Amino acid sequence: VRLLEAEPSLPPRDPPIRFRKSVPTAWLEMTLTEGRNRQVRRMTAAVGFPTLRLVRVAIAHLKLEGLQPGEWREVTPKAFQQVLESGS
């Protein structure tokens, strides 16, 4: 887990997250090798920081940079096989 110094540049969330001045916010970067159902939300809540927004940036070696919400791109059979072999 790494605490980000600045808020990352992301597309706006729809509907927007309710902003509250009394609740501190922080942006974290987290790498999981095996994600369980709601694992990130449970981990952050356990230390007193509920997850307000969760953004996936990669699946195995496939980066999602440049893709907007709802967009997709074709994956080569070789890249797909690598994802399967990585267990992600």
C-alpha atoms as a PDB file:
ATOM      1  CA  VAL A   1       0.000   0.000   0.000  1.00  0.00           C
ATOM      2  CA  ARG A   2       1.260   3.462  -0.872  1.00  0.00           C
ATOM      3  CA  LEU A   3      -0.240   6.815   0.146  1.00  0.00           C
ATOM      4  CA  LEU A   4      -0.494   9.103  -2.880  1.00  0.00           C
ATOM      5  CA  GLU A   5       0.640  12.702  -2.400  1.00  0.00           C
ATOM      6  CA  ALA A   6      -1.975  14.150  -4.763  1.00  0.00           C
ATOM      7  CA  GLU A   7      -5.393  13.096  -6.006  1.00  0.00           C
ATOM      8  CA  PRO A   8      -4.981  11.151  -9.273  1.00  0.00           C
ATOM      9  CA  SER A   9      -6.471  12.387 -12.530  1.00  0.00           C
ATOM     10  CA  LEU A  10      -9.593  10.271 -13.035  1.00  0.00           C
ATOM     11  CA  PRO A  11     -12.841  10.652 -14.952  1.00  0.00           C
ATOM     12  CA  PRO A  12     -15.629  12.095 -12.797  1.00  0.00           C
ATOM     13  CA  ARG A  13     -17.757   9.589 -10.921  1.00  0.00           C
ATOM     14  CA  ASP A  14     -21.438   9.421 -11.788  1.00  0.00           C
ATOM     15  CA  PRO A  15     -23.198   9.895  -9.431  1.00  0.00           C
ATOM     16  CA  PRO A  16     -20.599  12.003  -7.599  1.00  0.00           C
ATOM     17  CA  ILE A  17     -19.351  10.994  -4.168  1.00  0.00           C
ATOM     18  CA  ARG A  18     -20.860  13.070  -1.359  1.00  0.00           C
ATOM     19  CA  PHE A  19     -18.124  15.395  -0.088  1.00  0.00           C
ATOM     20  CA  ARG A  20     -17.934  15.985   3.669  1.00  0.00           C
ATOM     21  CA  LYS A  21     -15.534  18.537   5.170  1.00  0.00           C
ATOM     22  CA  SER A  22     -15.404  16.712   8.505  1.00  0.00           C
ATOM     23  CA  VAL A  23     -14.195  13.427   6.991  1.00  0.00           C
ATOM     24  CA  PRO A  24     -10.530  13.335   5.908  1.00  0.00           C
ATOM     25  CA  THR A  25      -9.791  11.807   2.525  1.00  0.00           C
ATOM     26  CA  ALA A  26      -6.705  10.036   1.269  1.00  0.00           C
ATOM     27  CA  TRP A  27      -5.808   8.310  -1.973  1.00  0.00           C
ATOM     28  CA  LEU A  28      -4.073   4.945  -1.695  1.00  0.00           C
ATOM     29  CA  GLU A  29      -2.432   2.772  -4.311  1.00  0.00           C
ATOM     30  CA  MET A  30      -2.733  -0.906  -3.463  1.00  0.00           C
ATOM     31  CA  THR A  31      -1.490  -4.023  -5.230  1.00  0.00           C
ATOM     32  CA  LEU A  32      -3.271  -7.322  -4.662  1.00  0.00           C
ATOM     33  CA  THR A  33      -2.094 -10.624  -6.054  1.00  0.00           C
ATOM     34  CA  GLU A  34      -5.407 -12.290  -5.300  1.00  0.00           C
ATOM     35  CA  GLY A  35      -8.476 -10.168  -4.687  1.00  0.00           C
ATOM     36  CA  ARG A  36     -11.344 -11.546  -2.660  1.00  0.00           C
ATOM     37  CA  ASN A  37     -14.902 -10.195  -2.711  1.00  0.00           C
ATOM     38  CA  ARG A  38     -14.911  -6.689  -1.158  1.00  0.00           C
ATOM     39  CA  GLN A  39     -11.413  -7.272   0.260  1.00  0.00           C
ATOM     40  CA  VAL A  40     -10.171  -3.703  -0.260  1.00  0.00           C
ATOM     41  CA  ARG A  41     -13.325  -2.196   1.234  1.00  0.00           C
ATOM     42  CA  ARG A  42     -13.059  -4.437   4.303  1.00  0.00           C
ATOM     43  CA  MET A  43      -9.350  -3.711   4.804  1.00  0.00           C
ATOM     44  CA  THR A  44      -9.717   0.074   4.628  1.00  0.00           C
ATOM     45  CA  ALA A  45     -12.816   0.049   6.856  1.00  0.00           C
ATOM     46  CA  ALA A  46     -10.939  -2.013   9.454  1.00  0.00           C
ATOM     47  CA  VAL A  47      -8.404   0.809   9.897  1.00  0.00           C
ATOM     48  CA  GLY A  48     -11.039   3.551   9.977  1.00  0.00           C
ATOM     49  CA  PHE A  49     -10.987   4.711   6.346  1.00  0.00           C
ATOM     50  CA  PRO A  50     -14.033   3.488   4.426  1.00  0.00           C
ATOM     51  CA  THR A  51     -13.528   3.179   0.669  1.00  0.00           C
ATOM     52  CA  LEU A  52     -15.456   5.850  -1.220  1.00  0.00           C
ATOM     53  CA  ARG A  53     -14.117   5.107  -4.688  1.00  0.00           C
ATOM     54  CA  LEU A  54     -12.313   2.047  -5.981  1.00  0.00           C
ATOM     55  CA  VAL A  55     -10.552   2.203  -9.355  1.00  0.00           C
ATOM     56  CA  ARG A  56      -8.856  -0.760 -11.030  1.00  0.00           C
ATOM     57  CA  VAL A  57      -5.795   0.298 -13.056  1.00  0.00           C
ATOM     58  CA  ALA A  58      -4.515  -3.089 -14.240  1.00  0.00           C
ATOM     59  CA  ILE A  59      -5.341  -6.768 -14.470  1.00  0.00           C
ATOM     60  CA  ALA A  60      -2.126  -8.806 -14.318  1.00  0.00           C
ATOM     61  CA  HIS A  61       0.212  -7.137 -16.834  1.00  0.00           C
ATOM     62  CA  LEU A  62      -2.632  -5.463 -18.778  1.00  0.00           C
ATOM     63  CA  LYS A  63      -2.747  -1.745 -17.982  1.00  0.00           C
ATOM     64  CA  LEU A  64      -6.092   0.001 -18.305  1.00  0.00           C
ATOM     65  CA  GLU A  65      -4.530   3.411 -19.065  1.00  0.00           C
ATOM     66  CA  GLY A  66      -6.447   5.463 -21.589  1.00  0.00           C
ATOM     67  CA  LEU A  67      -9.687   3.487 -21.257  1.00  0.00           C
ATOM     68  CA  GLN A  68     -12.702   5.472 -20.139  1.00  0.00           C
ATOM     69  CA  PRO A  69     -15.534   3.901 -18.117  1.00  0.00           C
ATOM     70  CA  GLY A  70     -17.472   1.550 -20.396  1.00  0.00           C
ATOM     71  CA  GLU A  71     -14.714   1.417 -23.031  1.00  0.00           C
ATOM     72  CA  TRP A  72     -12.972  -1.788 -23.986  1.00  0.00           C
ATOM     73  CA  ARG A  73     -10.212  -3.005 -26.257  1.00  0.00           C
ATOM     74  CA  GLU A  74      -9.383  -6.336 -27.836  1.00  0.00           C
ATOM     75  CA  VAL A  75      -6.850  -8.544 -26.078  1.00  0.00           C
ATOM     76  CA  THR A  76      -4.595 -10.774 -28.123  1.00  0.00           C
ATOM     77  CA  PRO A  77      -4.812 -14.522 -27.512  1.00  0.00           C
ATOM     78  CA  LYS A  78      -1.216 -14.429 -26.210  1.00  0.00           C
ATOM     79  CA  ALA A  79      -2.004 -11.653 -23.693  1.00  0.00           C
ATOM     80  CA  PHE A  80      -5.152 -13.497 -22.592  1.00  0.00           C
ATOM     81  CA  GLN A  81      -3.150 -16.684 -22.012  1.00  0.00           C
ATOM     82  CA  GLN A  82      -0.622 -14.721 -19.925  1.00  0.00           C
ATOM     83  CA  VAL A  83      -3.439 -13.405 -17.718  1.00  0.00           C
ATOM     84  CA  LEU A  84      -4.761 -16.939 -17.210  1.00  0.00           C
ATOM     85  CA  GLU A  85      -1.296 -18.223 -16.346  1.00  0.00           C
ATOM     86  CA  SER A  86      -0.695 -15.415 -13.849  1.00  0.00           C
ATOM     87  CA  GLY A  87      -3.808 -16.417 -11.903  1.00  0.00           C
ATOM     88  CA  SER A  88      -5.270 -12.884 -11.953  1.00  0.00           C
END
